């Protein structure tokens, strides 16, 4: 069996939307280069309007690229479009399931669309794995939002693809359902399925992903192993607990501040330019009395903000 080094390869991928009477020409993807290793859990992050959805839709065959090359499981999407699409399962942000079907019927129809022979279908296995076995004969319209989200994952897996793309899979899902979903996704990954994840829950990406790419304004601005990405920032945070809790973080000249729970606040400083003592001096100069301090290394949210902060507000493409 052919096992490519990369589950997905994109080289100089460009997508340009032509001008209309009301909108100018827009380049949603500006030469994306990405190589997603086989067997990894790969995070794809970026602000709204960055181009994440355009990239995913291109992989799924829903958006036609302007130029560049894309291979999915070694199959060029231009030369072998059907084989390339068969190699991925996509769980979109939007819940798309016929409300008058039962979950079992929805999976059977989906498997039929992919040409999966009846004797090879895994409908009951997927329903059980995603906690939907007791709802197999209920109508989709009767399912909760979390159950519908899990049904979308099951639909994406009916043809047993080696690559699974999850586009904001836990949006609107409560903590317990999120845990169940990730347990199943991690089990799929242990079986060899490559997972591509987009999420706005940065702690999720930091905990789950082996490697993370950050897209901003149609370009890849970072693509590194998660641990390497977390080490690249030369900043640290000082967590200040004032004697009297504050409702909002104070403005300190030369430092970035953010509120924390319990009336505390975080002060971010660059290790090559400032020190903890300078941070404390600035806090005292603001008139606050310090009860306690702690220091912490940057997390993925700090890096994300540093790399994308200058991006203009835009709607997701």
C-alpha atoms as a PDB file:
ATOM      1  CA  UNK A   1       0.000   0.000   0.000  1.00  0.00           C
ATOM      2  CA  UNK A   2       1.324   3.425  -0.993  1.00  0.00           C
ATOM      3  CA  UNK A   3       1.958   5.637   2.042  1.00  0.00           C
ATOM      4  CA  UNK A   4       3.024   9.173   1.125  1.00  0.00           C
ATOM      5  CA  UNK A   5       5.329  11.192   3.357  1.00  0.00           C
ATOM      6  CA  UNK A   6       2.785  14.013   3.428  1.00  0.00           C
ATOM      7  CA  UNK A   7      -0.976  13.640   3.751  1.00  0.00           C
ATOM      8  CA  UNK A   8      -1.507  17.039   2.098  1.00  0.00           C
ATOM      9  CA  UNK A   9       0.921  19.118   0.029  1.00  0.00           C
ATOM     10  CA  UNK A  10       0.125  22.584  -1.287  1.00  0.00           C
ATOM     11  CA  UNK A  11       2.667  24.501  -3.361  1.00  0.00           C
ATOM     12  CA  UNK A  12       2.237  28.155  -4.371  1.00  0.00           C
ATOM     13  CA  UNK A  13      -1.549  27.812  -3.990  1.00  0.00           C
ATOM     14  CA  UNK A  14      -3.375  30.929  -5.161  1.00  0.00           C
ATOM     15  CA  UNK A  15      -7.074  31.706  -5.166  1.00  0.00           C
ATOM     16  CA  UNK A  16      -8.290  34.966  -6.633  1.00  0.00           C
ATOM     17  CA  UNK A  17     -11.942  35.968  -6.642  1.00  0.00           C
ATOM     18  CA  UNK A  18     -12.679  38.181  -9.675  1.00  0.00           C
ATOM     19  CA  UNK A  19     -14.086  41.660  -9.298  1.00  0.00           C
ATOM     20  CA  UNK A  20     -17.837  42.173  -9.431  1.00  0.00           C
ATOM     21  CA  UNK A  21     -19.973  45.270  -9.775  1.00  0.00           C
ATOM     22  CA  UNK A  22     -19.883  45.775  -6.015  1.00  0.00           C
ATOM     23  CA  UNK A  23     -16.551  44.256  -4.913  1.00  0.00           C
ATOM     24  CA  UNK A  24     -12.962  44.561  -6.154  1.00  0.00           C
ATOM     25  CA  UNK A  25     -10.795  41.599  -7.108  1.00  0.00           C
ATOM     26  CA  UNK A  26      -9.650  39.735  -3.982  1.00  0.00           C
ATOM     27  CA  UNK A  27      -6.766  37.306  -3.484  1.00  0.00           C
ATOM     28  CA  UNK A  28      -7.908  34.976  -0.723  1.00  0.00           C
ATOM     29  CA  UNK A  29      -4.812  32.749  -0.943  1.00  0.00           C
ATOM     30  CA  UNK A  30      -1.484  34.315  -1.856  1.00  0.00           C
ATOM     31  CA  UNK A  31       0.888  31.459  -2.615  1.00  0.00           C
ATOM     32  CA  UNK A  32       0.233  28.998   0.210  1.00  0.00           C
ATOM     33  CA  UNK A  33       2.994  26.430   0.790  1.00  0.00           C
ATOM     34  CA  UNK A  34       2.076  23.697   3.274  1.00  0.00           C
ATOM     35  CA  UNK A  35       3.221  20.111   3.797  1.00  0.00           C
ATOM     36  CA  UNK A  36       1.130  18.248   6.378  1.00  0.00           C
ATOM     37  CA  UNK A  37       2.919  15.103   7.616  1.00  0.00           C
ATOM     38  CA  UNK A  38       1.127  11.779   7.375  1.00  0.00           C
ATOM     39  CA  UNK A  39      -0.187  10.594  10.750  1.00  0.00           C
ATOM     40  CA  UNK A  40      -0.015  13.992  12.448  1.00  0.00           C
ATOM     41  CA  UNK A  41      -2.594  16.164  14.167  1.00  0.00           C
ATOM     42  CA  UNK A  42      -2.062  19.437  12.336  1.00  0.00           C
ATOM     43  CA  UNK A  43      -3.512  22.753  13.504  1.00  0.00           C
ATOM     44  CA  UNK A  44      -4.550  25.386  10.961  1.00  0.00           C
ATOM     45  CA  UNK A  45      -5.149  28.686  12.728  1.00  0.00           C
ATOM     46  CA  UNK A  46      -5.851  32.243  11.675  1.00  0.00           C
ATOM     47  CA  UNK A  47      -8.222  35.166  12.237  1.00  0.00           C
ATOM     48  CA  UNK A  48     -11.483  35.582  10.353  1.00  0.00           C
ATOM     49  CA  UNK A  49     -10.737  36.407   6.742  1.00  0.00           C
ATOM     50  CA  UNK A  50      -7.333  34.699   6.807  1.00  0.00           C
ATOM     51  CA  UNK A  51      -8.223  32.182   4.091  1.00  0.00           C
ATOM     52  CA  UNK A  52      -8.659  28.994   6.156  1.00  0.00           C
ATOM     53  CA  UNK A  53     -12.100  28.187   4.734  1.00  0.00           C
ATOM     54  CA  UNK A  54     -10.937  28.883   1.185  1.00  0.00           C
ATOM     55  CA  UNK A  55      -8.029  26.493   1.696  1.00  0.00           C
ATOM     56  CA  UNK A  56     -10.284  23.748   3.076  1.00  0.00           C
ATOM     57  CA  UNK A  57     -12.882  24.243   0.339  1.00  0.00           C
ATOM     58  CA  UNK A  58     -10.110  23.914  -2.250  1.00  0.00           C
ATOM     59  CA  UNK A  59      -9.057  20.591  -0.747  1.00  0.00           C
ATOM     60  CA  UNK A  60     -12.671  19.403  -0.728  1.00  0.00           C
ATOM     61  CA  UNK A  61     -13.208  20.361  -4.373  1.00  0.00           C
ATOM     62  CA  UNK A  62     -15.780  23.045  -3.503  1.00  0.00           C
ATOM     63  CA  UNK A  63     -13.563  25.934  -4.605  1.00  0.00           C
ATOM     64  CA  UNK A  64     -11.506  25.945  -7.813  1.00  0.00           C
ATOM     65  CA  UNK A  65      -7.991  27.223  -7.270  1.00  0.00           C
ATOM     66  CA  UNK A  66      -6.527  29.920  -9.512  1.00  0.00           C
ATOM     67  CA  UNK A  67      -3.031  28.433  -9.667  1.00  0.00           C
ATOM     68  CA  UNK A  68      -0.569  26.236  -7.801  1.00  0.00           C
ATOM     69  CA  UNK A  69      -0.633  22.520  -7.024  1.00  0.00           C
ATOM     70  CA  UNK A  70      -2.316  20.457  -4.325  1.00  0.00           C
ATOM     71  CA  UNK A  71      -1.827  16.774  -3.544  1.00  0.00           C
ATOM     72  CA  UNK A  72      -3.971  14.807  -1.118  1.00  0.00           C
ATOM     73  CA  UNK A  73      -2.468  11.457  -0.110  1.00  0.00           C
ATOM     74  CA  UNK A  74      -0.154  11.784  -3.101  1.00  0.00           C
ATOM     75  CA  UNK A  75      -3.014  12.414  -5.554  1.00  0.00           C
ATOM     76  CA  UNK A  76      -3.010  15.646  -7.548  1.00  0.00           C
ATOM     77  CA  UNK A  77      -6.436  17.303  -7.284  1.00  0.00           C
ATOM     78  CA  UNK A  78      -6.313  18.296 -10.967  1.00  0.00           C
ATOM     79  CA  UNK A  79      -5.061  15.004 -12.395  1.00  0.00           C
ATOM     80  CA  UNK A  80      -6.996  12.662 -10.064  1.00  0.00           C
ATOM     81  CA  UNK A  81      -9.825  14.729  -8.543  1.00  0.00           C
ATOM     82  CA  UNK A  82     -12.068  11.793  -7.585  1.00  0.00           C
ATOM     83  CA  UNK A  83      -9.233   9.870  -5.930  1.00  0.00           C
ATOM     84  CA  UNK A  84      -8.056  12.990  -4.120  1.00  0.00           C
ATOM     85  CA  UNK A  85     -11.520  13.750  -2.731  1.00  0.00           C
ATOM     86  CA  UNK A  86     -11.963  10.109  -1.708  1.00  0.00           C
ATOM     87  CA  UNK A  87      -8.846  10.426   0.472  1.00  0.00           C
ATOM     88  CA  UNK A  88     -10.340  13.066   2.759  1.00  0.00           C
ATOM     89  CA  UNK A  89     -13.348  13.446   4.998  1.00  0.00           C
ATOM     90  CA  UNK A  90     -14.418  16.999   5.819  1.00  0.00           C
ATOM     91  CA  UNK A  91     -16.428  18.037   8.852  1.00  0.00           C
ATOM     92  CA  UNK A  92     -17.638  21.574   7.969  1.00  0.00           C
ATOM     93  CA  UNK A  93     -18.526  24.334  10.407  1.00  0.00           C
ATOM     94  CA  UNK A  94     -22.151  24.272   9.291  1.00  0.00           C
ATOM     95  CA  UNK A  95     -24.322  21.335  10.280  1.00  0.00           C
ATOM     96  CA  UNK A  96     -25.652  19.789   7.065  1.00  0.00           C
ATOM     97  CA  UNK A  97     -27.934  16.779   7.531  1.00  0.00           C
ATOM     98  CA  UNK A  98     -31.429  16.038   6.252  1.00  0.00           C
ATOM     99  CA  UNK A  99     -33.742  16.567   9.261  1.00  0.00           C
ATOM    100  CA  UNK A 100     -36.151  13.879   8.007  1.00  0.00           C
ATOM    101  CA  UNK A 101     -33.473  11.148   7.924  1.00  0.00           C
ATOM    102  CA  UNK A 102     -32.424   9.081  10.907  1.00  0.00           C
ATOM    103  CA  UNK A 103     -28.685   9.020  11.733  1.00  0.00           C
ATOM    104  CA  UNK A 104     -28.480   5.458  10.360  1.00  0.00           C
ATOM    105  CA  UNK A 105     -30.168   6.514   7.112  1.00  0.00           C
ATOM    106  CA  UNK A 106     -27.906   9.579   6.831  1.00  0.00           C
ATOM    107  CA  UNK A 107     -24.777   7.419   7.111  1.00  0.00           C
ATOM    108  CA  UNK A 108     -26.096   4.805   4.689  1.00  0.00           C
ATOM    109  CA  UNK A 109     -26.878   7.474   2.078  1.00  0.00           C
ATOM    110  CA  UNK A 110     -23.456   9.075   2.561  1.00  0.00           C
ATOM    111  CA  UNK A 111     -21.718   5.704   2.187  1.00  0.00           C
ATOM    112  CA  UNK A 112     -23.697   5.040  -0.981  1.00  0.00           C
ATOM    113  CA  UNK A 113     -22.605   8.377  -2.429  1.00  0.00           C
ATOM    114  CA  UNK A 114     -18.975   7.330  -1.934  1.00  0.00           C
ATOM    115  CA  UNK A 115     -19.636   3.954  -3.528  1.00  0.00           C
ATOM    116  CA  UNK A 116     -18.940   1.956  -0.381  1.00  0.00           C
ATOM    117  CA  UNK A 117     -20.293  -1.606  -0.920  1.00  0.00           C
ATOM    118  CA  UNK A 118     -23.096  -2.467   1.500  1.00  0.00           C
ATOM    119  CA  UNK A 119     -21.119  -5.311   3.101  1.00  0.00           C
ATOM    120  CA  UNK A 120     -18.215  -2.943   3.826  1.00  0.00           C
ATOM    121  CA  UNK A 121     -20.209  -0.164   5.468  1.00  0.00           C
ATOM    122  CA  UNK A 122     -19.477   0.684   9.108  1.00  0.00           C
ATOM    123  CA  UNK A 123     -22.718   2.462  10.001  1.00  0.00           C
ATOM    124  CA  UNK A 124     -23.340   0.812  13.371  1.00  0.00           C
ATOM    125  CA  UNK A 125     -19.651   0.974  14.309  1.00  0.00           C
ATOM    126  CA  UNK A 126     -19.546   4.728  13.658  1.00  0.00           C
ATOM    127  CA  UNK A 127     -22.803   5.378  15.504  1.00  0.00           C
ATOM    128  CA  UNK A 128     -21.509   3.492  18.535  1.00  0.00           C
ATOM    129  CA  UNK A 129     -18.086   5.153  18.448  1.00  0.00           C
ATOM    130  CA  UNK A 130     -19.656   8.611  18.481  1.00  0.00           C
ATOM    131  CA  UNK A 131     -22.257   7.869  21.127  1.00  0.00           C
ATOM    132  CA  UNK A 132     -25.216   7.861  18.753  1.00  0.00           C
ATOM    133  CA  UNK A 133     -26.213   4.179  18.874  1.00  0.00           C
ATOM    134  CA  UNK A 134     -29.303   4.882  20.991  1.00  0.00           C
ATOM    135  CA  UNK A 135     -30.358   7.616  18.532  1.00  0.00           C
ATOM    136  CA  UNK A 136     -29.873   5.514  15.392  1.00  0.00           C
ATOM    137  CA  UNK A 137     -33.594   5.480  14.601  1.00  0.00           C
ATOM    138  CA  UNK A 138     -34.471   9.000  15.792  1.00  0.00           C
ATOM    139  CA  UNK A 139     -34.932  11.761  13.260  1.00  0.00           C
ATOM    140  CA  UNK A 140     -31.985  14.109  12.855  1.00  0.00           C
ATOM    141  CA  UNK A 141     -34.257  17.047  13.702  1.00  0.00           C
ATOM    142  CA  UNK A 142     -34.725  15.520  17.173  1.00  0.00           C
ATOM    143  CA  UNK A 143     -30.991  15.486  17.956  1.00  0.00           C
ATOM    144  CA  UNK A 144     -29.263  18.091  20.089  1.00  0.00           C
ATOM    145  CA  UNK A 145     -26.674  20.380  18.561  1.00  0.00           C
ATOM    146  CA  UNK A 146     -23.831  18.315  20.002  1.00  0.00           C
ATOM    147  CA  UNK A 147     -25.290  15.103  18.622  1.00  0.00           C
ATOM    148  CA  UNK A 148     -25.679  16.656  15.179  1.00  0.00           C
ATOM    149  CA  UNK A 149     -22.034  17.745  15.330  1.00  0.00           C
ATOM    150  CA  UNK A 150     -20.965  14.166  16.107  1.00  0.00           C
ATOM    151  CA  UNK A 151     -23.157  12.897  13.278  1.00  0.00           C
ATOM    152  CA  UNK A 152     -21.207  15.188  10.929  1.00  0.00           C
ATOM    153  CA  UNK A 153     -17.976  13.510  12.055  1.00  0.00           C
ATOM    154  CA  UNK A 154     -19.506  10.088  11.401  1.00  0.00           C
ATOM    155  CA  UNK A 155     -20.625  11.170   7.908  1.00  0.00           C
ATOM    156  CA  UNK A 156     -17.081  12.312   7.119  1.00  0.00           C
ATOM    157  CA  UNK A 157     -15.718   8.880   8.088  1.00  0.00           C
ATOM    158  CA  UNK A 158     -18.105   6.569   6.189  1.00  0.00           C
ATOM    159  CA  UNK A 159     -15.572   5.897   3.414  1.00  0.00           C
ATOM    160  CA  UNK A 160     -12.694   5.384   5.868  1.00  0.00           C
ATOM    161  CA  UNK A 161     -10.520   8.243   4.524  1.00  0.00           C
ATOM    162  CA  UNK A 162      -6.864   8.484   5.626  1.00  0.00           C
ATOM    163  CA  UNK A 163      -7.242  12.262   6.163  1.00  0.00           C
ATOM    164  CA  UNK A 164      -9.921  13.931   8.310  1.00  0.00           C
ATOM    165  CA  UNK A 165     -10.421  17.706   8.222  1.00  0.00           C
ATOM    166  CA  UNK A 166     -12.236  19.212  11.203  1.00  0.00           C
ATOM    167  CA  UNK A 167     -13.372  22.803  10.661  1.00  0.00           C
ATOM    168  CA  UNK A 168     -14.296  24.227  14.083  1.00  0.00           C
ATOM    169  CA  UNK A 169     -15.674  20.841  15.232  1.00  0.00           C
ATOM    170  CA  UNK A 170     -16.372  21.827  18.840  1.00  0.00           C
ATOM    171  CA  UNK A 171     -18.090  25.164  18.205  1.00  0.00           C
ATOM    172  CA  UNK A 172     -21.190  25.268  20.387  1.00  0.00           C
ATOM    173  CA  UNK A 173     -20.451  21.896  21.991  1.00  0.00           C
ATOM    174  CA  UNK A 174     -20.425  21.576  25.785  1.00  0.00           C
ATOM    175  CA  UNK A 175     -17.340  20.449  27.703  1.00  0.00           C
ATOM    176  CA  UNK A 176     -18.373  16.799  28.113  1.00  0.00           C
ATOM    177  CA  UNK A 177     -19.311  16.342  24.456  1.00  0.00           C
ATOM    178  CA  UNK A 178     -16.077  18.055  23.449  1.00  0.00           C
ATOM    179  CA  UNK A 179     -14.114  15.563  25.544  1.00  0.00           C
ATOM    180  CA  UNK A 180     -15.951  12.617  23.962  1.00  0.00           C
ATOM    181  CA  UNK A 181     -15.331  13.966  20.477  1.00  0.00           C
ATOM    182  CA  UNK A 182     -11.621  14.458  21.076  1.00  0.00           C
ATOM    183  CA  UNK A 183     -11.281  10.985  22.564  1.00  0.00           C
ATOM    184  CA  UNK A 184     -12.636   9.558  19.315  1.00  0.00           C
ATOM    185  CA  UNK A 185     -10.459  11.818  17.172  1.00  0.00           C
ATOM    186  CA  UNK A 186      -7.358  10.827  19.149  1.00  0.00           C
ATOM    187  CA  UNK A 187      -8.255   7.165  18.701  1.00  0.00           C
ATOM    188  CA  UNK A 188      -8.571   7.718  14.928  1.00  0.00           C
ATOM    189  CA  UNK A 189      -5.155   9.356  14.946  1.00  0.00           C
ATOM    190  CA  UNK A 190      -3.670   6.394  16.829  1.00  0.00           C
ATOM    191  CA  UNK A 191      -5.018   4.187  14.033  1.00  0.00           C
ATOM    192  CA  UNK A 192      -3.087   6.280  11.504  1.00  0.00           C
ATOM    193  CA  UNK A 193      -5.641   8.869  10.371  1.00  0.00           C
ATOM    194  CA  UNK A 194      -4.132  12.306   9.728  1.00  0.00           C
ATOM    195  CA  UNK A 195      -6.168  15.033  11.442  1.00  0.00           C
ATOM    196  CA  UNK A 196      -6.291  18.634  10.200  1.00  0.00           C
ATOM    197  CA  UNK A 197      -7.941  20.926  12.744  1.00  0.00           C
ATOM    198  CA  UNK A 198      -9.103  24.514  12.603  1.00  0.00           C
ATOM    199  CA  UNK A 199     -10.296  25.957  15.882  1.00  0.00           C
ATOM    200  CA  UNK A 200     -10.720  29.231  17.741  1.00  0.00           C
ATOM    201  CA  UNK A 201     -10.042  27.402  21.017  1.00  0.00           C
ATOM    202  CA  UNK A 202      -6.307  27.998  21.093  1.00  0.00           C
ATOM    203  CA  UNK A 203      -5.813  25.844  24.182  1.00  0.00           C
ATOM    204  CA  UNK A 204      -7.283  22.955  22.167  1.00  0.00           C
ATOM    205  CA  UNK A 205      -4.720  23.403  19.414  1.00  0.00           C
ATOM    206  CA  UNK A 206      -1.893  23.779  21.910  1.00  0.00           C
ATOM    207  CA  UNK A 207      -2.849  20.546  23.696  1.00  0.00           C
ATOM    208  CA  UNK A 208      -3.714  18.369  20.680  1.00  0.00           C
ATOM    209  CA  UNK A 209      -1.615  19.419  17.704  1.00  0.00           C
ATOM    210  CA  UNK A 210       1.840  18.110  16.803  1.00  0.00           C
ATOM    211  CA  UNK A 211       2.380  20.973  14.367  1.00  0.00           C
ATOM    212  CA  UNK A 212       0.630  24.286  13.781  1.00  0.00           C
ATOM    213  CA  UNK A 213       0.416  26.620  10.802  1.00  0.00           C
ATOM    214  CA  UNK A 214      -0.878  30.161  11.227  1.00  0.00           C
ATOM    215  CA  UNK A 215      -2.447  31.795   8.162  1.00  0.00           C
ATOM    216  CA  UNK A 216      -2.913  35.541   8.005  1.00  0.00           C
ATOM    217  CA  UNK A 217      -4.296  37.503   5.038  1.00  0.00           C
ATOM    218  CA  UNK A 218      -3.897  34.534   2.704  1.00  0.00           C
ATOM    219  CA  UNK A 219      -0.310  33.725   3.612  1.00  0.00           C
ATOM    220  CA  UNK A 220       1.386  31.271   5.963  1.00  0.00           C
ATOM    221  CA  UNK A 221       3.125  33.364   8.628  1.00  0.00           C
ATOM    222  CA  UNK A 222       4.281  30.419  10.762  1.00  0.00           C
ATOM    223  CA  UNK A 223       4.438  26.636  10.370  1.00  0.00           C
ATOM    224  CA  UNK A 224       6.356  24.738  13.022  1.00  0.00           C
ATOM    225  CA  UNK A 225       6.064  21.946  15.576  1.00  0.00           C
ATOM    226  CA  UNK A 226       3.924  23.207  18.437  1.00  0.00           C
ATOM    227  CA  UNK A 227       6.760  23.074  20.957  1.00  0.00           C
ATOM    228  CA  UNK A 228       9.053  25.052  18.625  1.00  0.00           C
ATOM    229  CA  UNK A 229       6.356  27.638  17.983  1.00  0.00           C
ATOM    230  CA  UNK A 230       5.871  28.152  21.715  1.00  0.00           C
ATOM    231  CA  UNK A 231       9.613  28.689  22.191  1.00  0.00           C
ATOM    232  CA  UNK A 232      10.033  31.267  19.449  1.00  0.00           C
ATOM    233  CA  UNK A 233       8.590  34.214  21.368  1.00  0.00           C
ATOM    234  CA  UNK A 234      11.074  36.223  23.417  1.00  0.00           C
ATOM    235  CA  UNK A 235       8.328  37.388  25.751  1.00  0.00           C
ATOM    236  CA  UNK A 236       7.210  36.427  29.223  1.00  0.00           C
ATOM    237  CA  UNK A 237       4.232  37.356  31.338  1.00  0.00           C
ATOM    238  CA  UNK A 238       4.239  38.696  34.862  1.00  0.00           C
ATOM    239  CA  UNK A 239       0.954  37.948  36.615  1.00  0.00           C
ATOM    240  CA  UNK A 240       0.297  40.686  39.165  1.00  0.00           C
ATOM    241  CA  UNK A 241      -2.213  40.300  41.974  1.00  0.00           C
ATOM    242  CA  UNK A 242      -2.756  43.778  43.440  1.00  0.00           C
ATOM    243  CA  UNK A 243      -3.621  44.367  47.084  1.00  0.00           C
ATOM    244  CA  UNK A 244      -7.003  45.617  45.894  1.00  0.00           C
ATOM    245  CA  UNK A 245      -8.532  43.759  42.890  1.00  0.00           C
ATOM    246  CA  UNK A 246      -8.845  45.885  39.742  1.00  0.00           C
ATOM    247  CA  UNK A 247     -11.754  45.806  37.299  1.00  0.00           C
ATOM    248  CA  UNK A 248      -9.485  46.538  34.323  1.00  0.00           C
ATOM    249  CA  UNK A 249      -5.772  46.099  33.705  1.00  0.00           C
ATOM    250  CA  UNK A 250      -3.834  49.357  34.132  1.00  0.00           C
ATOM    251  CA  UNK A 251      -2.161  51.045  31.186  1.00  0.00           C
ATOM    252  CA  UNK A 252       1.616  50.757  31.645  1.00  0.00           C
ATOM    253  CA  UNK A 253       3.892  52.648  29.274  1.00  0.00           C
ATOM    254  CA  UNK A 254       6.044  50.267  27.245  1.00  0.00           C
ATOM    255  CA  UNK A 255       4.154  47.129  28.255  1.00  0.00           C
ATOM    256  CA  UNK A 256       1.069  45.252  27.108  1.00  0.00           C
ATOM    257  CA  UNK A 257      -1.431  44.404  29.858  1.00  0.00           C
ATOM    258  CA  UNK A 258      -4.455  42.099  30.001  1.00  0.00           C
ATOM    259  CA  UNK A 259      -6.987  41.425  32.756  1.00  0.00           C
ATOM    260  CA  UNK A 260      -7.003  38.080  34.533  1.00  0.00           C
ATOM    261  CA  UNK A 261      -9.557  36.446  36.819  1.00  0.00           C
ATOM    262  CA  UNK A 262      -9.955  37.610  40.382  1.00  0.00           C
ATOM    263  CA  UNK A 263      -8.910  41.209  39.770  1.00  0.00           C
ATOM    264  CA  UNK A 264      -5.368  40.316  38.715  1.00  0.00           C
ATOM    265  CA  UNK A 265      -3.678  41.266  35.426  1.00  0.00           C
ATOM    266  CA  UNK A 266      -0.856  40.070  33.184  1.00  0.00           C
ATOM    267  CA  UNK A 267       1.990  42.267  31.996  1.00  0.00           C
ATOM    268  CA  UNK A 268       3.887  41.075  28.902  1.00  0.00           C
ATOM    269  CA  UNK A 269       7.503  42.110  28.428  1.00  0.00           C
ATOM    270  CA  UNK A 270      10.334  41.235  26.034  1.00  0.00           C
ATOM    271  CA  UNK A 271      13.143  39.441  27.814  1.00  0.00           C
ATOM    272  CA  UNK A 272      15.814  41.140  25.709  1.00  0.00           C
ATOM    273  CA  UNK A 273      14.512  44.642  26.427  1.00  0.00           C
ATOM    274  CA  UNK A 274      13.051  44.656  29.929  1.00  0.00           C
ATOM    275  CA  UNK A 275      13.131  42.776  33.225  1.00  0.00           C
ATOM    276  CA  UNK A 276      10.692  41.717  35.924  1.00  0.00           C
ATOM    277  CA  UNK A 277      12.011  44.535  38.133  1.00  0.00           C
ATOM    278  CA  UNK A 278      11.154  47.116  35.456  1.00  0.00           C
ATOM    279  CA  UNK A 279       7.650  45.650  35.194  1.00  0.00           C
ATOM    280  CA  UNK A 280       7.171  45.896  38.960  1.00  0.00           C
ATOM    281  CA  UNK A 281       8.497  49.457  38.970  1.00  0.00           C
ATOM    282  CA  UNK A 282       5.937  50.411  36.294  1.00  0.00           C
ATOM    283  CA  UNK A 283       3.130  48.803  38.320  1.00  0.00           C
ATOM    284  CA  UNK A 284       4.166  50.679  41.463  1.00  0.00           C
ATOM    285  CA  UNK A 285       4.416  53.913  39.483  1.00  0.00           C
ATOM    286  CA  UNK A 286       0.778  53.466  38.448  1.00  0.00           C
ATOM    287  CA  UNK A 287      -0.200  53.714  42.105  1.00  0.00           C
ATOM    288  CA  UNK A 288      -1.022  50.054  42.693  1.00  0.00           C
ATOM    289  CA  UNK A 289       0.203  48.037  45.661  1.00  0.00           C
ATOM    290  CA  UNK A 290       1.356  44.529  44.822  1.00  0.00           C
ATOM    291  CA  UNK A 291       0.099  41.566  46.865  1.00  0.00           C
ATOM    292  CA  UNK A 292       1.658  38.764  44.812  1.00  0.00           C
ATOM    293  CA  UNK A 293       3.369  38.058  41.489  1.00  0.00           C
ATOM    294  CA  UNK A 294       4.042  35.032  39.296  1.00  0.00           C
ATOM    295  CA  UNK A 295       5.757  34.598  35.937  1.00  0.00           C
ATOM    296  CA  UNK A 296       4.749  32.401  32.991  1.00  0.00           C
ATOM    297  CA  UNK A 297       6.040  31.589  29.534  1.00  0.00           C
ATOM    298  CA  UNK A 298       3.964  32.629  26.512  1.00  0.00           C
ATOM    299  CA  UNK A 299       1.169  30.368  25.318  1.00  0.00           C
ATOM    300  CA  UNK A 300      -0.211  29.882  21.824  1.00  0.00           C
ATOM    301  CA  UNK A 301      -2.613  32.797  22.244  1.00  0.00           C
ATOM    302  CA  UNK A 302       0.298  35.192  22.799  1.00  0.00           C
ATOM    303  CA  UNK A 303       2.040  33.952  19.647  1.00  0.00           C
ATOM    304  CA  UNK A 304      -1.180  34.055  17.626  1.00  0.00           C
ATOM    305  CA  UNK A 305      -1.830  37.663  18.632  1.00  0.00           C
ATOM    306  CA  UNK A 306       1.768  38.676  17.926  1.00  0.00           C
ATOM    307  CA  UNK A 307       1.668  37.209  14.419  1.00  0.00           C
ATOM    308  CA  UNK A 308      -1.810  38.383  13.423  1.00  0.00           C
ATOM    309  CA  UNK A 309      -2.429  41.541  15.462  1.00  0.00           C
ATOM    310  CA  UNK A 310      -1.864  43.867  12.522  1.00  0.00           C
ATOM    311  CA  UNK A 311      -4.411  42.097  10.314  1.00  0.00           C
ATOM    312  CA  UNK A 312      -7.366  44.275   9.281  1.00  0.00           C
ATOM    313  CA  UNK A 313     -10.851  43.165  10.175  1.00  0.00           C
ATOM    314  CA  UNK A 314     -12.468  41.185   7.393  1.00  0.00           C
ATOM    315  CA  UNK A 315     -15.167  38.598   6.853  1.00  0.00           C
ATOM    316  CA  UNK A 316     -14.210  34.935   6.540  1.00  0.00           C
ATOM    317  CA  UNK A 317     -13.786  33.865   2.937  1.00  0.00           C
END
